[in-house]
PDB file of N, CA and C in Angstrom:
ATOM      1  N   MET A   1     100.283 111.188  91.461  1.00  0.00           N
ATOM      2  CA  MET A   1     100.648 110.640  92.293  1.00  0.00           C
ATOM      3  C   MET A   1     101.260 109.608  91.679  1.00  0.00           C
ATOM      4  N   LEU A   2     101.427 109.237  90.258  1.00  0.00           N
ATOM      5  CA  LEU A   2     102.101 108.150  90.025  1.00  0.00           C
ATOM      6  C   LEU A   2     103.510 108.597  89.797  1.00  0.00           C
ATOM      7  N   LYS A   3     103.488 109.844  89.339  1.00  0.00           N
ATOM      8  CA  LYS A   3     104.781 110.478  88.508  1.00  0.00           C
ATOM      9  C   LYS A   3     105.634 110.919  89.677  1.00  0.00           C
ATOM     10  N   ALA A   4     104.924 110.827  91.130  1.00  0.00           N
ATOM     11  CA  ALA A   4     106.011 111.383  92.363  1.00  0.00           C
ATOM     12  C   ALA A   4     106.115 110.098  93.088  1.00  0.00           C
ATOM     13  N   ARG A   5     105.777 109.049  92.766  1.00  0.00           N
ATOM     14  CA  ARG A   5     106.560 107.777  93.083  1.00  0.00           C
ATOM     15  C   ARG A   5     107.361 107.254  92.647  1.00  0.00           C
ATOM     16  N   ASN A   6     108.037 107.272  91.214  1.00  0.00           N
ATOM     17  CA  ASN A   6     108.797 107.115  90.360  1.00  0.00           C
ATOM     18  C   ASN A   6     110.090 108.341  90.467  1.00  0.00           C
ATOM     19  N   VAL A   7     109.809 109.360  90.861  1.00  0.00           N
ATOM     20  CA  VAL A   7     110.729 110.487  91.059  1.00  0.00           C
ATOM     21  C   VAL A   7     111.778 110.095  92.303  1.00  0.00           C
ATOM     22  N   PRO A   8     112.924 109.944  91.999  1.00  0.00           N
ATOM     23  CA  PRO A   8     113.648 109.722  93.254  1.00  0.00           C
ATOM     24  C   PRO A   8     113.570 110.745  94.513  1.00  0.00           C
ATOM     25  N   TYR A   9     114.337 110.954  95.697  1.00  0.00           N
ATOM     26  CA  TYR A   9     113.907 112.033  96.731  1.00  0.00           C
ATOM     27  C   TYR A   9     114.741 113.092  96.118  1.00  0.00           C
ATOM     28  N   GLU A  10     113.925 114.213  95.949  1.00  0.00           N
ATOM     29  CA  GLU A  10     114.063 115.435  95.657  1.00  0.00           C
ATOM     30  C   GLU A  10     114.923 116.435  96.499  1.00  0.00           C
ATOM     31  N   ASN A  11     114.610 116.065  97.904  1.00  0.00           N
ATOM     32  CA  ASN A  11     115.163 116.805  99.084  1.00  0.00           C
ATOM     33  C   ASN A  11     115.377 116.168  99.958  1.00  0.00           C
ATOM     34  N   LYS A  12     116.267 116.547 101.012  1.00  0.00           N
ATOM     35  CA  LYS A  12     116.738 115.856 102.070  1.00  0.00           C
ATOM     36  C   LYS A  12     114.947 115.414 102.731  1.00  0.00           C
ATOM     37  N   ALA A  13     114.464 116.714 102.966  1.00  0.00           N
ATOM     38  CA  ALA A  13     112.846 116.459 103.970  1.00  0.00           C
ATOM     39  C   ALA A  13     112.397 114.981 103.311  1.00  0.00           C
ATOM     40  N   GLN A  14     112.481 114.762 102.172  1.00  0.00           N
ATOM     41  CA  GLN A  14     111.288 113.948 101.790  1.00  0.00           C
ATOM     42  C   GLN A  14     112.835 112.591 102.018  1.00  0.00           C
ATOM     43  N   LYS A  15     113.895 112.531 102.131  1.00  0.00           N
ATOM     44  CA  LYS A  15     114.199 111.189 102.259  1.00  0.00           C
ATOM     45  C   LYS A  15     114.080 111.052 103.901  1.00  0.00           C
ATOM     46  N   ILE A  16     114.026 111.925 104.638  1.00  0.00           N
ATOM     47  CA  ILE A  16     114.126 111.738 106.375  1.00  0.00           C
ATOM     48  C   ILE A  16     113.010 111.318 106.773  1.00  0.00           C
ATOM     49  N   ILE A  17     111.735 111.947 105.791  1.00  0.00           N
ATOM     50  CA  ILE A  17     110.269 111.235 105.903  1.00  0.00           C
ATOM     51  C   ILE A  17     110.051 109.723 105.745  1.00  0.00           C
ATOM     52  N   CYS A  18     110.627 109.469 104.674  1.00  0.00           N
ATOM     53  CA  CYS A  18     110.712 108.014 104.272  1.00  0.00           C
ATOM     54  C   CYS A  18     111.218 107.491 105.379  1.00  0.00           C
ATOM     55  N   ASP A  19     112.663 107.747 105.785  1.00  0.00           N
ATOM     56  CA  ASP A  19     113.354 107.055 106.977  1.00  0.00           C
ATOM     57  C   ASP A  19     112.385 106.554 108.387  1.00  0.00           C
ATOM     58  N   LEU A  20     112.069 107.835 108.429  1.00  0.00           N
ATOM     59  CA  LEU A  20     111.001 107.610 109.799  1.00  0.00           C
ATOM     60  C   LEU A  20     110.064 106.740 109.520  1.00  0.00           C
ATOM     61  N   ASN A  21     109.514 106.446 108.455  1.00  0.00           N
ATOM     62  CA  ASN A  21     108.728 105.405 108.046  1.00  0.00           C
ATOM     63  C   ASN A  21     108.881 104.270 108.091  1.00  0.00           C
ATOM     64  N   GLU A  22     110.157 103.781 108.006  1.00  0.00           N
ATOM     65  CA  GLU A  22     110.723 102.952 108.066  1.00  0.00           C
ATOM     66  C   GLU A  22     110.921 102.497 109.319  1.00  0.00           C
ATOM     67  N   ASP A  23     111.760 103.659 110.091  1.00  0.00           N
ATOM     68  CA  ASP A  23     111.771 103.351 111.336  1.00  0.00           C
ATOM     69  C   ASP A  23     110.504 102.624 112.370  1.00  0.00           C
ATOM     70  N   ALA A  24     109.347 103.571 111.860  1.00  0.00           N
ATOM     71  CA  ALA A  24     108.070 102.953 112.530  1.00  0.00           C
ATOM     72  C   ALA A  24     107.651 101.992 112.311  1.00  0.00           C
ATOM     73  N   LEU A  25     108.192 101.017 111.228  1.00  0.00           N
ATOM     74  CA  LEU A  25     107.955  99.924 110.725  1.00  0.00           C
ATOM     75  C   LEU A  25     108.490  99.109 111.754  1.00  0.00           C
ATOM     76  N   ALA A  26     109.593  99.114 111.664  1.00  0.00           N
ATOM     77  CA  ALA A  26     110.656  98.278 112.782  1.00  0.00           C
ATOM     78  C   ALA A  26     110.167  98.078 113.785  1.00  0.00           C
ATOM     79  N   LEU A  27     109.226  98.951 114.423  1.00  0.00           N
ATOM     80  CA  LEU A  27     108.978  99.072 115.988  1.00  0.00           C
ATOM     81  C   LEU A  27     107.293  98.400 115.928  1.00  0.00           C
ATOM     82  N   SER A  28     106.854  98.737 114.974  1.00  0.00           N
ATOM     83  CA  SER A  28     105.195  97.692 115.110  1.00  0.00           C
ATOM     84  C   SER A  28     105.133  96.544 115.771  1.00  0.00           C
ATOM     85  N   PRO A  29     105.963  95.785 115.573  1.00  0.00           N
ATOM     86  CA  PRO A  29     105.913  94.599 116.641  1.00  0.00           C
ATOM     87  C   PRO A  29     106.251  94.932 117.928  1.00  0.00           C
ATOM     88  N   PHE A  30     106.861  95.725 118.231  1.00  0.00           N
ATOM     89  CA  PHE A  30     107.591  95.896 119.726  1.00  0.00           C
ATOM     90  C   PHE A  30     106.585  96.907 120.206  1.00  0.00           C
ATOM     91  N   LEU A  31     105.475  97.561 119.576  1.00  0.00           N
ATOM     92  CA  LEU A  31     104.173  98.275 119.942  1.00  0.00           C
ATOM     93  C   LEU A  31     103.219  96.953 120.198  1.00  0.00           C
ATOM     94  N   THR A  32     102.601  96.252 119.345  1.00  0.00           N
ATOM     95  CA  THR A  32     101.733  95.352 119.118  1.00  0.00           C
ATOM     96  C   THR A  32     101.696  94.478 120.183  1.00  0.00           C
ATOM     97  N   CYS A  33     102.718  93.615 120.402  1.00  0.00           N
ATOM     98  CA  CYS A  33     102.909  92.565 121.429  1.00  0.00           C
ATOM     99  C   CYS A  33     102.881  93.088 122.818  1.00  0.00           C
ATOM    100  N   PRO A  34     103.086  94.349 122.984  1.00  0.00           N
ATOM    101  CA  PRO A  34     102.656  94.396 124.838  1.00  0.00           C
ATOM    102  C   PRO A  34     101.836  95.069 124.948  1.00  0.00           C
ATOM    103  N   SER A  35     101.061  95.530 123.755  1.00  0.00           N
ATOM    104  CA  SER A  35      99.666  95.998 123.823  1.00  0.00           C
ATOM    105  C   SER A  35      98.654  94.731 124.223  1.00  0.00           C
ATOM    106  N   LEU A  36      98.831  93.594 123.280  1.00  0.00           N
ATOM    107  CA  LEU A  36      98.220  92.488 123.407  1.00  0.00           C
ATOM    108  C   LEU A  36      98.163  91.767 124.755  1.00  0.00           C
ATOM    109  N   ALA A  37      99.326  92.174 125.556  1.00  0.00           N
ATOM    110  CA  ALA A  37      99.605  91.557 126.873  1.00  0.00           C
ATOM    111  C   ALA A  37      98.908  92.419 127.604  1.00  0.00           C
ATOM    112  N   LEU A  38      99.027  93.739 127.611  1.00  0.00           N
ATOM    113  CA  LEU A  38      98.451  95.006 128.706  1.00  0.00           C
ATOM    114  C   LEU A  38      96.805  94.424 128.470  1.00  0.00           C
ATOM    115  N   TYR A  39      96.094  94.279 127.421  1.00  0.00           N
ATOM    116  CA  TYR A  39      94.640  94.178 127.378  1.00  0.00           C
ATOM    117  C   TYR A  39      94.409  92.582 127.533  1.00  0.00           C
ATOM    118  N   ASN A  40      95.135  91.925 128.269  1.00  0.00           N
ATOM    119  CA  ASN A  40      94.791  90.453 128.174  1.00  0.00           C
ATOM    120  C   ASN A  40      94.337  89.664 126.791  1.00  0.00           C
ATOM    121  N   ARG A  41      94.999  89.971 125.799  1.00  0.00           N
ATOM    122  CA  ARG A  41      94.912  89.456 124.310  1.00  0.00           C
ATOM    123  C   ARG A  41      95.003  88.086 124.214  1.00  0.00           C
ATOM    124  N   PRO A  42      95.017  86.818 123.898  1.00  0.00           N
ATOM    125  CA  PRO A  42      95.660  86.089 123.364  1.00  0.00           C
ATOM    126  C   PRO A  42      96.727  86.162 121.899  1.00  0.00           C
ATOM    127  N   PHE A  43      97.791  85.446 121.993  1.00  0.00           N
ATOM    128  CA  PHE A  43      98.698  85.524 120.977  1.00  0.00           C
ATOM    129  C   PHE A  43      98.173  85.496 119.591  1.00  0.00           C
ATOM    130  N   THR A  44      97.260  84.773 119.934  1.00  0.00           N
ATOM    131  CA  THR A  44      96.457  84.712 118.411  1.00  0.00           C
ATOM    132  C   THR A  44      96.159  85.836 117.737  1.00  0.00           C
ATOM    133  N   ASP A  45      95.808  86.583 118.220  1.00  0.00           N
ATOM    134  CA  ASP A  45      95.556  88.340 117.613  1.00  0.00           C
ATOM    135  C   ASP A  45      96.518  88.945 117.239  1.00  0.00           C
ATOM    136  N   TYR A  46      97.837  88.406 117.518  1.00  0.00           N
ATOM    137  CA  TYR A  46      98.880  89.002 116.754  1.00  0.00           C
ATOM    138  C   TYR A  46      98.421  88.871 115.094  1.00  0.00           C
ATOM    139  N   GLU A  47      98.010  88.110 114.659  1.00  0.00           N
ATOM    140  CA  GLU A  47      98.061  86.942 113.207  1.00  0.00           C
ATOM    141  C   GLU A  47      97.412  88.339 112.859  1.00  0.00           C
ATOM    142  N   TRP A  48      95.983  88.875 113.276  1.00  0.00           N
ATOM    143  CA  TRP A  48      95.369  89.266 112.651  1.00  0.00           C
ATOM    144  C   TRP A  48      95.396  90.954 112.961  1.00  0.00           C
ATOM    145  N   VAL A  49      95.870  90.927 113.890  1.00  0.00           N
ATOM    146  CA  VAL A  49      96.690  92.398 114.263  1.00  0.00           C
ATOM    147  C   VAL A  49      97.816  92.746 112.873  1.00  0.00           C
ATOM    148  N   TYR A  50      98.557  91.976 112.589  1.00  0.00           N
ATOM    149  CA  TYR A  50      99.537  91.709 111.765  1.00  0.00           C
ATOM    150  C   TYR A  50      99.058  92.149 110.424  1.00  0.00           C
ATOM    151  N   GLN A  51      97.712  91.162 109.786  1.00  0.00           N
ATOM    152  CA  GLN A  51      97.408  91.094 108.822  1.00  0.00           C
ATOM    153  C   GLN A  51      96.509  93.084 108.382  1.00  0.00           C
ATOM    154  N   LEU A  52      96.405  93.524 109.744  1.00  0.00           N
ATOM    155  CA  LEU A  52      95.536  94.569 109.523  1.00  0.00           C
ATOM    156  C   LEU A  52      96.512  95.656 109.093  1.00  0.00           C
ATOM    157  N   ASP A  53      97.651  95.763 110.340  1.00  0.00           N
ATOM    158  CA  ASP A  53      98.790  96.459 109.634  1.00  0.00           C
ATOM    159  C   ASP A  53      99.589  96.614 108.074  1.00  0.00           C
ATOM    160  N   ARG A  54      99.816  94.905 107.887  1.00  0.00           N
ATOM    161  CA  ARG A  54      99.395  95.067 106.216  1.00  0.00           C
ATOM    162  C   ARG A  54      98.788  96.067 105.332  1.00  0.00           C
ATOM    163  N   SER A  55      97.336  95.572 105.364  1.00  0.00           N
ATOM    164  CA  SER A  55      96.674  96.235 104.975  1.00  0.00           C
ATOM    165  C   SER A  55      96.425  97.819 105.059  1.00  0.00           C
ATOM    166  N   LYS A  56      97.260  98.289 105.921  1.00  0.00           N
ATOM    167  CA  LYS A  56      97.385 100.063 106.179  1.00  0.00           C
ATOM    168  C   LYS A  56      98.727 100.419 105.400  1.00  0.00           C
ATOM    169  N   GLY A  57      99.087  99.339 105.299  1.00  0.00           N
ATOM    170  CA  GLY A  57     100.876  99.908 104.516  1.00  0.00           C
ATOM    171  C   GLY A  57     101.925  99.449 105.363  1.00  0.00           C
ATOM    172  N   LEU A  58     101.809  99.183 106.280  1.00  0.00           N
ATOM    173  CA  LEU A  58     102.701  98.687 107.211  1.00  0.00           C
ATOM    174  C   LEU A  58     103.131  97.326 106.941  1.00  0.00           C
ATOM    175  N   TYR A  59     103.999  97.004 106.219  1.00  0.00           N
ATOM    176  CA  TYR A  59     104.510  95.491 105.745  1.00  0.00           C
ATOM    177  C   TYR A  59     105.922  95.593 106.394  1.00  0.00           C
ATOM    178  N   ILE A  60     105.856  94.533 107.646  1.00  0.00           N
ATOM    179  CA  ILE A  60     107.358  94.276 108.145  1.00  0.00           C
ATOM    180  C   ILE A  60     108.045  92.972 107.903  1.00  0.00           C
ATOM    181  N   GLY A  61     107.474  92.375 106.965  1.00  0.00           N
ATOM    182  CA  GLY A  61     108.332  91.169 106.159  1.00  0.00           C
ATOM    183  C   GLY A  61     107.667  89.856 106.784  1.00  0.00           C
ATOM    184  N   SER A  62     107.455  88.880 106.135  1.00  0.00           N
ATOM    185  CA  SER A  62     106.590  87.757 106.216  1.00  0.00           C
ATOM    186  C   SER A  62     106.929  86.804 107.318  1.00  0.00           C
ATOM    187  N   MET A  63     108.086  87.097 107.612  1.00  0.00           N
ATOM    188  CA  MET A  63     108.782  86.328 108.676  1.00  0.00           C
ATOM    189  C   MET A  63     108.101  86.544 110.519  1.00  0.00           C
ATOM    190  N   TYR A  64     107.747  87.594 110.050  1.00  0.00           N
ATOM    191  CA  TYR A  64     107.139  87.882 111.490  1.00  0.00           C
ATOM    192  C   TYR A  64     105.663  87.742 111.638  1.00  0.00           C
ATOM    193  N   ASN A  65     104.923  86.986 111.107  1.00  0.00           N
ATOM    194  CA  ASN A  65     103.722  86.877 110.992  1.00  0.00           C
ATOM    195  C   ASN A  65     102.786  85.521 111.721  1.00  0.00           C
ATOM    196  N   ASN A  66     103.505  85.179 113.029  1.00  0.00           N
ATOM    197  CA  ASN A  66     103.099  83.966 113.377  1.00  0.00           C
ATOM    198  C   ASN A  66     103.010  84.229 115.186  1.00  0.00           C
ATOM    199  N   ILE A  67     102.680  83.399 115.916  1.00  0.00           N
ATOM    200  CA  ILE A  67     102.789  83.273 117.433  1.00  0.00           C
ATOM    201  C   ILE A  67     103.794  83.557 117.885  1.00  0.00           C
ATOM    202  N   THR A  68     104.988  82.576 117.054  1.00  0.00           N
ATOM    203  CA  THR A  68     106.321  82.662 117.972  1.00  0.00           C
ATOM    204  C   THR A  68     106.822  83.544 117.843  1.00  0.00           C
ATOM    205  N   SER A  69     106.871  84.580 117.012  1.00  0.00           N
ATOM    206  CA  SER A  69     107.684  85.740 116.796  1.00  0.00           C
ATOM    207  C   SER A  69     106.688  86.682 117.609  1.00  0.00           C
ATOM    208  N   ALA A  70     105.474  86.909 117.914  1.00  0.00           N
ATOM    209  CA  ALA A  70     104.830  87.496 119.006  1.00  0.00           C
ATOM    210  C   ALA A  70     105.229  87.404 120.586  1.00  0.00           C
ATOM    211  N   LYS A  71     105.684  86.155 120.646  1.00  0.00           N
ATOM    212  CA  LYS A  71     106.101  85.850 122.188  1.00  0.00           C
ATOM    213  C   LYS A  71     107.354  86.198 122.288  1.00  0.00           C
ATOM    214  N   GLN A  72     108.148  85.971 121.195  1.00  0.00           N
ATOM    215  CA  GLN A  72     109.477  86.345 121.197  1.00  0.00           C
ATOM    216  C   GLN A  72     109.269  88.172 121.296  1.00  0.00           C
ATOM    217  N   PHE A  73     108.816  88.775 120.582  1.00  0.00           N
ATOM    218  CA  PHE A  73     108.687  90.291 120.649  1.00  0.00           C
ATOM    219  C   PHE A  73     108.115  90.717 122.141  1.00  0.00           C
ATOM    220  N   THR A  74     107.469  90.056 122.966  1.00  0.00           N
ATOM    221  CA  THR A  74     106.935  90.582 124.087  1.00  0.00           C
ATOM    222  C   THR A  74     108.131  90.034 125.223  1.00  0.00           C
ATOM    223  N   ALA A  75     108.761  88.706 125.277  1.00  0.00           N
ATOM    224  CA  ALA A  75     109.815  88.888 125.868  1.00  0.00           C
ATOM    225  C   ALA A  75     110.869  89.425 126.170  1.00  0.00           C
ATOM    226  N   ALA A  76     111.069  90.171 124.510  1.00  0.00           N
ATOM    227  CA  ALA A  76     112.193  90.833 124.602  1.00  0.00           C
ATOM    228  C   ALA A  76     111.514  92.622 125.122  1.00  0.00           C
ATOM    229  N   VAL A  77     110.360  92.996 125.294  1.00  0.00           N
ATOM    230  CA  VAL A  77     109.535  93.908 126.053  1.00  0.00           C
ATOM    231  C   VAL A  77     110.058  93.912 127.222  1.00  0.00           C
ATOM    232  N   ALA A  78     109.282  92.991 127.559  1.00  0.00           N
ATOM    233  CA  ALA A  78     109.657  92.488 129.062  1.00  0.00           C
ATOM    234  C   ALA A  78     110.884  92.467 129.855  1.00  0.00           C
ATOM    235  N   ARG A  79     111.804  92.014 128.932  1.00  0.00           N
ATOM    236  CA  ARG A  79     113.438  91.871 129.575  1.00  0.00           C
ATOM    237  C   ARG A  79     113.989  93.362 129.819  1.00  0.00           C
ATOM    238  N   TYR A  80     113.332  93.932 128.815  1.00  0.00           N
ATOM    239  CA  TYR A  80     113.924  95.586 128.515  1.00  0.00           C
ATOM    240  C   TYR A  80     112.969  96.098 129.811  1.00  0.00           C
ATOM    241  N   GLU A  81     111.910  95.809 129.689  1.00  0.00           N
ATOM    242  CA  GLU A  81     111.267  96.632 131.049  1.00  0.00           C
ATOM    243  C   GLU A  81     111.723  96.101 132.348  1.00  0.00           C
ATOM    244  N   ARG A  82     112.073  94.988 132.941  1.00  0.00           N
ATOM    245  CA  ARG A  82     112.390  94.537 134.217  1.00  0.00           C
ATOM    246  C   ARG A  82     113.770  95.073 134.013  1.00  0.00           C
ATOM    247  N   GLN A  83     114.651  95.164 133.369  1.00  0.00           N
ATOM    248  CA  GLN A  83     116.066  95.708 133.357  1.00  0.00           C
ATOM    249  C   GLN A  83     115.935  97.026 133.435  1.00  0.00           C
ATOM    250  N   LYS A  84     114.961  97.871 133.181  1.00  0.00           N
ATOM    251  CA  LYS A  84     114.954  99.159 133.180  1.00  0.00           C
ATOM    252  C   LYS A  84     114.647  99.652 134.852  1.00  0.00           C
ATOM    253  N   LEU A  85     113.438  98.703 135.217  1.00  0.00           N
ATOM    254  CA  LEU A  85     113.408  98.453 136.536  1.00  0.00           C
ATOM    255  C   LEU A  85     114.143  98.504 137.495  1.00  0.00           C
ATOM    256  N   ALA A  86     114.840  97.373 137.412  1.00  0.00           N
ATOM    257  CA  ALA A  86     116.264  97.060 138.284  1.00  0.00           C
ATOM    258  C   ALA A  86     116.641  97.854 138.170  1.00  0.00           C
ATOM    259  N   GLU A  87     117.428  98.990 137.366  1.00  0.00           N
ATOM    260  CA  GLU A  87     118.346  99.774 137.066  1.00  0.00           C
ATOM    261  C   GLU A  87     117.661 101.165 138.154  1.00  0.00           C
ATOM    262  N   ASP A  88     116.404 101.693 137.844  1.00  0.00           N
ATOM    263  CA  ASP A  88     115.676 102.304 138.872  1.00  0.00           C
ATOM    264  C   ASP A  88     115.410 102.247 140.298  1.00  0.00           C
ATOM    265  N   ILE A  89     115.412 100.977 140.542  1.00  0.00           N
ATOM    266  CA  ILE A  89     115.513 100.710 142.084  1.00  0.00           C
ATOM    267  C   ILE A  89     116.723 100.548 142.739  1.00  0.00           C
ATOM    268  N   ASP A  90     117.659 100.067 141.510  1.00  0.00           N
ATOM    269  CA  ASP A  90     119.345  99.554 142.399  1.00  0.00           C
ATOM    270  C   ASP A  90     119.863 101.105 142.998  1.00  0.00           C
ATOM    271  N   GLY A  91     119.906 100.746 144.397  1.00  0.00           N
ATOM    272  CA  GLY A  91     120.808 101.903 144.902  1.00  0.00           C
ATOM    273  C   GLY A  91     120.062 103.212 145.696  1.00  0.00           C
ATOM    274  N   LYS A  92     118.598 102.225 145.279  1.00  0.00           N
ATOM    275  CA  LYS A  92     117.684 103.428 146.500  1.00  0.00           C
ATOM    276  C   LYS A  92     117.864 102.741 147.696  1.00  0.00           C
ATOM    277  N   ARG A  93     117.546 104.123 148.673  1.00  0.00           N
ATOM    278  CA  ARG A  93     117.144 103.416 150.114  1.00  0.00           C
ATOM    279  C   ARG A  93     116.016 102.903 150.540  1.00  0.00           C
ATOM    280  N   PHE A  94     115.481 103.447 150.122  1.00  0.00           N
ATOM    281  CA  PHE A  94     113.698 103.329 150.595  1.00  0.00           C
ATOM    282  C   PHE A  94     112.968 102.915 149.200  1.00  0.00           C
ATOM    283  N   LEU A  95     111.974 101.657 149.267  1.00  0.00           N
ATOM    284  CA  LEU A  95     111.370 101.598 148.151  1.00  0.00           C
ATOM    285  C   LEU A  95     109.873 101.135 148.872  1.00  0.00           C
ATOM    286  N   ILE A  96     108.432 101.811 147.780  1.00  0.00           N
ATOM    287  CA  ILE A  96     107.463 101.997 148.602  1.00  0.00           C
ATOM    288  C   ILE A  96     106.521 100.690 147.390  1.00  0.00           C
ATOM    289  N   ILE A  97     106.294  99.983 147.554  1.00  0.00           N
ATOM    290  CA  ILE A  97     105.334  99.133 146.697  1.00  0.00           C
ATOM    291  C   ILE A  97     103.453  99.316 147.272  1.00  0.00           C
ATOM    292  N   LEU A  98     102.716  99.690 146.252  1.00  0.00           N
ATOM    293  CA  LEU A  98     101.279  99.980 146.839  1.00  0.00           C
ATOM    294  C   LEU A  98     100.850  98.532 145.795  1.00  0.00           C
ATOM    295  N   SER A  99      99.725  98.074 146.742  1.00  0.00           N
ATOM    296  CA  SER A  99      99.054  96.823 145.824  1.00  0.00           C
ATOM    297  C   SER A  99      97.547  96.877 145.990  1.00  0.00           C
ATOM    298  N   ASP A 100      97.008  96.635 145.075  1.00  0.00           N
ATOM    299  CA  ASP A 100      95.597  96.393 145.235  1.00  0.00           C
ATOM    300  C   ASP A 100      94.839  95.273 145.120  1.00  0.00           C
ATOM    301  N   GLY A 101      94.278  95.116 146.008  1.00  0.00           N
ATOM    302  CA  GLY A 101      93.831  93.342 146.226  1.00  0.00           C
ATOM    303  C   GLY A 101      92.289  92.962 145.188  1.00  0.00           C
ATOM    304  N   SER A 102      92.218  94.112 144.347  1.00  0.00           N
ATOM    305  CA  SER A 102      90.567  93.832 143.686  1.00  0.00           C
ATOM    306  C   SER A 102      90.607  93.038 143.052  1.00  0.00           C
ATOM    307  N   THR A 103      89.933  92.033 142.467  1.00  0.00           N
ATOM    308  CA  THR A 103      89.918  90.946 141.675  1.00  0.00           C
ATOM    309  C   THR A 103      89.297  91.062 140.182  1.00  0.00           C
ATOM    310  N   ASP A 104      88.847  92.577 140.182  1.00  0.00           N
ATOM    311  CA  ASP A 104      88.352  93.073 138.663  1.00  0.00           C
ATOM    312  C   ASP A 104      89.129  92.728 137.688  1.00  0.00           C
ATOM    313  N   ASN A 105      88.754  92.637 136.412  1.00  0.00           N
ATOM    314  CA  ASN A 105      89.776  92.770 134.920  1.00  0.00           C
ATOM    315  C   ASN A 105      89.503  93.806 134.298  1.00  0.00           C
ATOM    316  N   CYS A 106      90.441  95.006 133.703  1.00  0.00           N
ATOM    317  CA  CYS A 106      90.060  96.379 133.108  1.00  0.00           C
ATOM    318  C   CYS A 106      89.753  95.733 131.639  1.00  0.00           C
TER     319      CYS A 106
END
């Protein structure tokens, strides 16, 4: 394993896999933050999830390990989802909205 770590990429497949892993790391906060919102978790949970990701080898830099970053990532995802929904609705002749009045919390 030590020898393999020090050897440069021998073929394209190895480079592609490493690049995919780097792309997954870049998406990590954009997946974690909306998940916290979905499950009604406080932004303070982001800090321990960040530490958990680091322990799994998913290091995205020390700049994004705080509550302010979590709020910004969540706001960015929310803006994107609102825009996508608005584009889906725009130009439609009819719109049906279903609503549930229950007060339970999942």
